[in-house]
Amino acid sequence: MSWSEGAWKKIEPIYQSIIEMPFILELMDGTLAADKFQFYMAQDAHYLEHFGRALAVIGARALDTADALAFMRFAENAIVVEAALHESYFREFGLEGRGKIEPACHHYIHFLKCTAALDIVEVGMAAVLPCFWIYKEVGDYIYNNRSSITNPYQRWIDTYAGEEFGIVVKNAIQICDRAAEATVDPIINRMDTAFITATHLEFDFWNAAYNQRQW
């Protein structure tokens, strides 16, 4: 069993809670209130900027040149490509700015940046993986179970259920698996912990958006 297969088994109950949460169910059928999605998009715009920075730090620290280049490209995609998607949603949903960073976003981005910068690089790689992998799985789940062809959030769904994003996710998983194969059990255990923690924070991010949790 690869590291990623074992790690996914550990977070399956959390993932199940994610796809059953009101934010995801209402996003899937297009009934999610616009103000909840606006809150989510504003916080996600903040998140992607700092997520990109965490990815760049990991890229700078990666020992393998190919892995370093991959993480630099991940960082560019997070900051440039996905930011463009957010800008279009800002216009469509009448958002004039991102506002301030709220608690769930603040917690998540600081966990990622601290782990990327201060822990060993394998643990940093594991910490950022859920943002790729969970989004792909959720995107596919929503796409395969959607009930409306006029969903106002269809472009968001298409982005994370798309083949192009799937290639990125597969690459990120493979990098983590290679890193785990080349290291020792204590570090693998820390990779597991980082992966599980980030998955909890994925749930909390969406839950906070649904409840519009603020300071």
C-alpha atoms as a PDB file:
ATOM      1  CA  MET A   1       0.000   0.000   0.000  1.00  0.00           C
ATOM      2  CA  SER A   2       1.348   3.434  -0.900  1.00  0.00           C
ATOM      3  CA  TRP A   3       1.568   6.223   1.652  1.00  0.00           C
ATOM      4  CA  SER A   4      -1.275   8.117  -0.030  1.00  0.00           C
ATOM      5  CA  GLU A   5      -3.585   5.076   0.033  1.00  0.00           C
ATOM      6  CA  GLY A   6      -2.984   4.608   3.746  1.00  0.00           C
ATOM      7  CA  ALA A   7      -3.347   8.330   4.459  1.00  0.00           C
ATOM      8  CA  TRP A   8      -6.668   8.501   2.601  1.00  0.00           C
ATOM      9  CA  LYS A   9      -8.044   5.610   4.644  1.00  0.00           C
ATOM     10  CA  LYS A  10      -7.250   7.610   7.788  1.00  0.00           C
ATOM     11  CA  ILE A  11      -9.245  10.632   6.617  1.00  0.00           C
ATOM     12  CA  GLU A  12     -12.215   8.821   5.025  1.00  0.00           C
ATOM     13  CA  PRO A  13     -14.575   9.651   7.949  1.00  0.00           C
ATOM     14  CA  ILE A  14     -13.650  13.346   7.656  1.00  0.00           C
ATOM     15  CA  TYR A  15     -14.138  13.262   3.893  1.00  0.00           C
ATOM     16  CA  GLN A  16     -17.549  11.649   4.368  1.00  0.00           C
ATOM     17  CA  SER A  17     -18.481  14.487   6.739  1.00  0.00           C
ATOM     18  CA  ILE A  18     -17.366  16.989   4.104  1.00  0.00           C
ATOM     19  CA  ILE A  19     -19.578  15.640   1.316  1.00  0.00           C
ATOM     20  CA  GLU A  20     -22.519  15.472   3.724  1.00  0.00           C
ATOM     21  CA  MET A  21     -22.184  19.017   5.034  1.00  0.00           C
ATOM     22  CA  PRO A  22     -24.829  21.617   4.084  1.00  0.00           C
ATOM     23  CA  PHE A  23     -22.380  23.825   2.173  1.00  0.00           C
ATOM     24  CA  ILE A  24     -21.467  21.016  -0.228  1.00  0.00           C
ATOM     25  CA  LEU A  25     -24.996  19.615  -0.594  1.00  0.00           C
ATOM     26  CA  GLU A  26     -26.457  23.046  -1.357  1.00  0.00           C
ATOM     27  CA  LEU A  27     -23.580  23.912  -3.684  1.00  0.00           C
ATOM     28  CA  MET A  28     -24.277  20.666  -5.510  1.00  0.00           C
ATOM     29  CA  ASP A  29     -27.958  21.404  -6.130  1.00  0.00           C
ATOM     30  CA  GLY A  30     -27.458  25.126  -6.702  1.00  0.00           C
ATOM     31  CA  THR A  31     -29.457  26.270  -3.671  1.00  0.00           C
ATOM     32  CA  LEU A  32     -26.528  27.604  -1.638  1.00  0.00           C
ATOM     33  CA  ALA A  33     -27.317  31.164  -0.557  1.00  0.00           C
ATOM     34  CA  ALA A  34     -25.328  33.730  -2.496  1.00  0.00           C
ATOM     35  CA  ASP A  35     -24.047  35.452   0.648  1.00  0.00           C
ATOM     36  CA  LYS A  36     -22.570  32.159   1.900  1.00  0.00           C
ATOM     37  CA  PHE A  37     -20.800  31.616  -1.409  1.00  0.00           C
ATOM     38  CA  GLN A  38     -19.596  35.236  -1.374  1.00  0.00           C
ATOM     39  CA  PHE A  39     -18.123  34.719   2.090  1.00  0.00           C
ATOM     40  CA  TYR A  40     -16.456  31.536   0.905  1.00  0.00           C
ATOM     41  CA  MET A  41     -15.000  33.149  -2.235  1.00  0.00           C
ATOM     42  CA  ALA A  42     -13.614  36.136  -0.324  1.00  0.00           C
ATOM     43  CA  GLN A  43     -11.900  33.862   2.204  1.00  0.00           C
ATOM     44  CA  ASP A  44     -10.704  31.499  -0.518  1.00  0.00           C
ATOM     45  CA  ALA A  45      -9.091  34.404  -2.344  1.00  0.00           C
ATOM     46  CA  HIS A  46      -7.069  35.145   0.788  1.00  0.00           C
ATOM     47  CA  TYR A  47      -6.346  31.461   1.231  1.00  0.00           C
ATOM     48  CA  LEU A  48      -5.017  30.915  -2.295  1.00  0.00           C
ATOM     49  CA  GLU A  49      -2.501  33.733  -1.958  1.00  0.00           C
ATOM     50  CA  HIS A  50      -0.991  32.200   1.171  1.00  0.00           C
ATOM     51  CA  PHE A  51      -1.378  28.639  -0.087  1.00  0.00           C
ATOM     52  CA  GLY A  52       0.686  29.677  -3.098  1.00  0.00           C
ATOM     53  CA  ARG A  53       3.355  31.057  -0.792  1.00  0.00           C
ATOM     54  CA  ALA A  54       3.453  27.786   1.169  1.00  0.00           C
ATOM     55  CA  LEU A  55       3.823  25.852  -2.086  1.00  0.00           C
ATOM     56  CA  ALA A  56       6.675  28.120  -3.186  1.00  0.00           C
ATOM     57  CA  VAL A  57       8.491  27.553   0.115  1.00  0.00           C
ATOM     58  CA  ILE A  58       8.171  23.791  -0.322  1.00  0.00           C
ATOM     59  CA  GLY A  59       9.454  24.118  -3.875  1.00  0.00           C
ATOM     60  CA  ALA A  60      12.489  26.033  -2.649  1.00  0.00           C
ATOM     61  CA  ARG A  61      13.218  23.353  -0.045  1.00  0.00           C
ATOM     62  CA  ALA A  62      12.551  20.244  -2.168  1.00  0.00           C
ATOM     63  CA  LEU A  63      15.673  18.142  -2.694  1.00  0.00           C
ATOM     64  CA  ASP A  64      14.592  16.726  -6.053  1.00  0.00           C
ATOM     65  CA  THR A  65      14.780  19.268  -8.884  1.00  0.00           C
ATOM     66  CA  ALA A  66      11.674  17.925 -10.622  1.00  0.00           C
ATOM     67  CA  ASP A  67       9.698  18.163  -7.378  1.00  0.00           C
ATOM     68  CA  ALA A  68      10.972  21.696  -6.818  1.00  0.00           C
ATOM     69  CA  LEU A  69       9.796  22.758 -10.272  1.00  0.00           C
ATOM     70  CA  ALA A  70       6.439  21.034  -9.772  1.00  0.00           C
ATOM     71  CA  PHE A  71       5.765  22.916  -6.544  1.00  0.00           C
ATOM     72  CA  MET A  72       6.787  26.209  -8.118  1.00  0.00           C
ATOM     73  CA  ARG A  73       4.242  25.553 -10.865  1.00  0.00           C
ATOM     74  CA  PHE A  74       1.634  24.619  -8.266  1.00  0.00           C
ATOM     75  CA  ALA A  75       2.325  27.957  -6.573  1.00  0.00           C
ATOM     76  CA  GLU A  76       1.985  29.891  -9.828  1.00  0.00           C
ATOM     77  CA  ASN A  77      -1.307  28.150 -10.606  1.00  0.00           C
ATOM     78  CA  ALA A  78      -2.717  28.903  -7.145  1.00  0.00           C
ATOM     79  CA  ILE A  79      -1.825  32.571  -7.295  1.00  0.00           C
ATOM     80  CA  VAL A  80      -2.350  33.420 -10.970  1.00  0.00           C
ATOM     81  CA  VAL A  81      -4.767  30.969 -12.602  1.00  0.00           C
ATOM     82  CA  GLU A  82      -7.200  30.390  -9.754  1.00  0.00           C
ATOM     83  CA  ALA A  83      -7.058  34.066  -8.797  1.00  0.00           C
ATOM     84  CA  ALA A  84      -8.402  34.882 -12.263  1.00  0.00           C
ATOM     85  CA  LEU A  85     -11.339  32.534 -11.633  1.00  0.00           C
ATOM     86  CA  HIS A  86     -12.013  34.259  -8.335  1.00  0.00           C
ATOM     87  CA  GLU A  87     -11.955  37.691  -9.977  1.00  0.00           C
ATOM     88  CA  SER A  88     -14.616  36.602 -12.432  1.00  0.00           C
ATOM     89  CA  TYR A  89     -16.764  35.313  -9.577  1.00  0.00           C
ATOM     90  CA  PHE A  90     -16.240  38.564  -7.690  1.00  0.00           C
ATOM     91  CA  ARG A  91     -17.739  40.418 -10.648  1.00  0.00           C
ATOM     92  CA  GLU A  92     -20.541  37.917 -11.115  1.00  0.00           C
ATOM     93  CA  PHE A  93     -21.586  37.861  -7.457  1.00  0.00           C
ATOM     94  CA  GLY A  94     -21.060  41.546  -6.738  1.00  0.00           C
ATOM     95  CA  LEU A  95     -18.049  41.295  -4.424  1.00  0.00           C
ATOM     96  CA  GLU A  96     -16.030  44.491  -4.317  1.00  0.00           C
ATOM     97  CA  GLY A  97     -13.150  43.163  -2.203  1.00  0.00           C
ATOM     98  CA  ARG A  98     -11.886  40.291  -0.125  1.00  0.00           C
ATOM     99  CA  GLY A  99     -12.359  41.961   3.230  1.00  0.00           C
ATOM    100  CA  LYS A 100     -10.299  40.707   6.147  1.00  0.00           C
ATOM    101  CA  ILE A 101      -9.095  37.199   6.887  1.00  0.00           C
ATOM    102  CA  GLU A 102     -11.545  35.441   9.201  1.00  0.00           C
ATOM    103  CA  PRO A 103     -10.711  32.748  11.818  1.00  0.00           C
ATOM    104  CA  ALA A 104     -10.949  29.532   9.771  1.00  0.00           C
ATOM    105  CA  CYS A 105      -8.857  30.940   6.941  1.00  0.00           C
ATOM    106  CA  HIS A 106      -6.367  32.454   9.383  1.00  0.00           C
ATOM    107  CA  HIS A 107      -5.900  29.111  11.157  1.00  0.00           C
ATOM    108  CA  TYR A 108      -5.488  27.134   7.944  1.00  0.00           C
ATOM    109  CA  ILE A 109      -3.019  29.410   6.160  1.00  0.00           C
ATOM    110  CA  HIS A 110      -0.814  29.788   9.213  1.00  0.00           C
ATOM    111  CA  PHE A 111      -0.751  26.032   9.725  1.00  0.00           C
ATOM    112  CA  LEU A 112       0.341  25.552   6.109  1.00  0.00           C
ATOM    113  CA  LYS A 113       2.969  28.280   6.062  1.00  0.00           C
ATOM    114  CA  CYS A 114       4.466  27.269   9.404  1.00  0.00           C
ATOM    115  CA  THR A 115       4.591  23.617   8.384  1.00  0.00           C
ATOM    116  CA  ALA A 116       6.063  24.417   4.973  1.00  0.00           C
ATOM    117  CA  ALA A 117       8.758  26.653   6.449  1.00  0.00           C
ATOM    118  CA  LEU A 118       9.633  25.063   9.780  1.00  0.00           C
ATOM    119  CA  ASP A 119       8.947  21.335   9.504  1.00  0.00           C
ATOM    120  CA  ILE A 120      10.860  18.956   7.269  1.00  0.00           C
ATOM    121  CA  VAL A 121       9.874  19.229   3.637  1.00  0.00           C
ATOM    122  CA  GLU A 122       8.136  15.828   3.444  1.00  0.00           C
ATOM    123  CA  VAL A 123       5.722  16.938   6.165  1.00  0.00           C
ATOM    124  CA  GLY A 124       5.101  20.206   4.335  1.00  0.00           C
ATOM    125  CA  MET A 125       4.234  18.278   1.185  1.00  0.00           C
ATOM    126  CA  ALA A 126       1.732  16.149   3.111  1.00  0.00           C
ATOM    127  CA  ALA A 127       0.178  19.221   4.722  1.00  0.00           C
ATOM    128  CA  VAL A 128      -0.676  20.895   1.408  1.00  0.00           C
ATOM    129  CA  LEU A 129      -1.918  17.720  -0.292  1.00  0.00           C
ATOM    130  CA  PRO A 130      -5.515  17.793   1.051  1.00  0.00           C
ATOM    131  CA  CYS A 131      -6.175  21.123  -0.643  1.00  0.00           C
ATOM    132  CA  PHE A 132      -5.448  19.418  -3.956  1.00  0.00           C
ATOM    133  CA  TRP A 133      -6.906  16.007  -3.307  1.00  0.00           C
ATOM    134  CA  ILE A 134     -10.013  16.888  -1.269  1.00  0.00           C
ATOM    135  CA  TYR A 135     -11.025  19.559  -3.786  1.00  0.00           C
ATOM    136  CA  LYS A 136     -10.664  17.095  -6.652  1.00  0.00           C
ATOM    137  CA  GLU A 137     -12.717  14.434  -4.869  1.00  0.00           C
ATOM    138  CA  VAL A 138     -15.392  16.931  -3.834  1.00  0.00           C
ATOM    139  CA  GLY A 139     -15.479  18.422  -7.335  1.00  0.00           C
ATOM    140  CA  ASP A 140     -15.947  14.975  -8.869  1.00  0.00           C
ATOM    141  CA  TYR A 141     -18.582  14.063  -6.290  1.00  0.00           C
ATOM    142  CA  ILE A 142     -20.600  17.200  -6.970  1.00  0.00           C
ATOM    143  CA  TYR A 143     -20.226  16.851 -10.742  1.00  0.00           C
ATOM    144  CA  ASN A 144     -21.383  13.218 -10.691  1.00  0.00           C
ATOM    145  CA  ASN A 145     -24.325  13.882  -8.356  1.00  0.00           C
ATOM    146  CA  ARG A 146     -25.477  17.291  -9.561  1.00  0.00           C
ATOM    147  CA  SER A 147     -29.211  17.679 -10.007  1.00  0.00           C
ATOM    148  CA  SER A 148     -29.408  20.851 -12.057  1.00  0.00           C
ATOM    149  CA  ILE A 149     -27.857  21.916 -15.355  1.00  0.00           C
ATOM    150  CA  THR A 150     -28.473  25.564 -14.462  1.00  0.00           C
ATOM    151  CA  ASN A 151     -26.441  25.538 -11.275  1.00  0.00           C
ATOM    152  CA  PRO A 152     -25.129  29.091 -10.667  1.00  0.00           C
ATOM    153  CA  TYR A 153     -21.926  27.548  -9.300  1.00  0.00           C
ATOM    154  CA  GLN A 154     -21.275  25.332 -12.314  1.00  0.00           C
ATOM    155  CA  ARG A 155     -18.005  27.017 -13.299  1.00  0.00           C
ATOM    156  CA  TRP A 156     -16.579  26.363  -9.832  1.00  0.00           C
ATOM    157  CA  ILE A 157     -17.655  22.721 -10.113  1.00  0.00           C
ATOM    158  CA  ASP A 158     -16.152  22.345 -13.578  1.00  0.00           C
ATOM    159  CA  THR A 159     -12.817  23.751 -12.418  1.00  0.00           C
ATOM    160  CA  TYR A 160     -12.244  21.156  -9.714  1.00  0.00           C
ATOM    161  CA  ALA A 161     -13.874  18.248 -11.548  1.00  0.00           C
ATOM    162  CA  GLY A 162     -11.879  18.936 -14.707  1.00  0.00           C
ATOM    163  CA  GLU A 163      -9.222  16.709 -16.257  1.00  0.00           C
ATOM    164  CA  GLU A 164      -6.543  19.405 -16.091  1.00  0.00           C
ATOM    165  CA  PHE A 165      -6.876  19.758 -12.320  1.00  0.00           C
ATOM    166  CA  GLY A 166      -6.888  15.971 -12.036  1.00  0.00           C
ATOM    167  CA  ILE A 167      -3.423  15.814 -13.605  1.00  0.00           C
ATOM    168  CA  VAL A 168      -2.106  18.317 -11.053  1.00  0.00           C
ATOM    169  CA  VAL A 169      -3.605  16.332  -8.175  1.00  0.00           C
ATOM    170  CA  LYS A 170      -2.119  13.055  -9.426  1.00  0.00           C
ATOM    171  CA  ASN A 171       1.300  14.680  -9.636  1.00  0.00           C
ATOM    172  CA  ALA A 172       1.049  16.044  -6.078  1.00  0.00           C
ATOM    173  CA  ILE A 173       0.046  12.602  -4.759  1.00  0.00           C
ATOM    174  CA  GLN A 174       2.915  10.894  -6.563  1.00  0.00           C
ATOM    175  CA  ILE A 175       5.433  13.372  -5.156  1.00  0.00           C
ATOM    176  CA  CYS A 176       4.229  12.637  -1.623  1.00  0.00           C
ATOM    177  CA  ASP A 177       4.378   8.897  -2.231  1.00  0.00           C
ATOM    178  CA  ARG A 178       7.968   9.116  -3.467  1.00  0.00           C
ATOM    179  CA  ALA A 179       8.900  11.258  -0.480  1.00  0.00           C
ATOM    180  CA  ALA A 180       7.370   8.723   1.908  1.00  0.00           C
ATOM    181  CA  GLU A 181       9.151   5.816   0.221  1.00  0.00           C
ATOM    182  CA  ALA A 182      12.509   7.548   0.710  1.00  0.00           C
ATOM    183  CA  THR A 183      12.099   8.430   4.395  1.00  0.00           C
ATOM    184  CA  VAL A 184      11.683   6.687   7.765  1.00  0.00           C
ATOM    185  CA  ASP A 185       8.666   5.733   9.866  1.00  0.00           C
ATOM    186  CA  PRO A 186       8.783   8.647  12.364  1.00  0.00           C
ATOM    187  CA  ILE A 187       8.652  11.120   9.479  1.00  0.00           C
ATOM    188  CA  ILE A 188       5.880   9.143   7.783  1.00  0.00           C
ATOM    189  CA  ASN A 189       3.887   9.402  11.005  1.00  0.00           C
ATOM    190  CA  ARG A 190       4.346  13.174  10.961  1.00  0.00           C
ATOM    191  CA  MET A 191       3.238  13.236   7.328  1.00  0.00           C
ATOM    192  CA  ASP A 192       0.081  11.371   8.360  1.00  0.00           C
ATOM    193  CA  THR A 193      -0.605  13.851  11.158  1.00  0.00           C
ATOM    194  CA  ALA A 194      -0.141  16.857   8.859  1.00  0.00           C
ATOM    195  CA  PHE A 195      -2.396  15.308   6.213  1.00  0.00           C
ATOM    196  CA  ILE A 196      -5.135  14.566   8.746  1.00  0.00           C
ATOM    197  CA  THR A 197      -4.885  18.027  10.327  1.00  0.00           C
ATOM    198  CA  ALA A 198      -5.185  19.769   6.956  1.00  0.00           C
ATOM    199  CA  THR A 199      -8.228  17.636   6.115  1.00  0.00           C
ATOM    200  CA  HIS A 200      -9.913  18.772   9.333  1.00  0.00           C
ATOM    201  CA  LEU A 201      -9.115  22.350   8.324  1.00  0.00           C
ATOM    202  CA  GLU A 202     -10.698  21.781   4.894  1.00  0.00           C
ATOM    203  CA  PHE A 203     -13.929  20.794   6.650  1.00  0.00           C
ATOM    204  CA  ASP A 204     -13.680  23.785   8.966  1.00  0.00           C
ATOM    205  CA  PHE A 205     -13.120  26.191   6.066  1.00  0.00           C
ATOM    206  CA  TRP A 206     -16.367  25.199   4.338  1.00  0.00           C
ATOM    207  CA  ASN A 207     -18.274  24.982   7.606  1.00  0.00           C
ATOM    208  CA  ALA A 208     -17.112  28.470   8.576  1.00  0.00           C
ATOM    209  CA  ALA A 209     -18.244  29.797   5.207  1.00  0.00           C
ATOM    210  CA  TYR A 210     -21.695  28.272   5.626  1.00  0.00           C
ATOM    211  CA  ASN A 211     -22.050  29.861   9.049  1.00  0.00           C
ATOM    212  CA  GLN A 212     -20.165  33.020   7.992  1.00  0.00           C
ATOM    213  CA  ARG A 213     -18.005  32.750  11.097  1.00  0.00           C
ATOM    214  CA  GLN A 214     -16.152  35.949  11.876  1.00  0.00           C
ATOM    215  CA  TRP A 215     -13.877  37.265  14.607  1.00  0.00           C
END
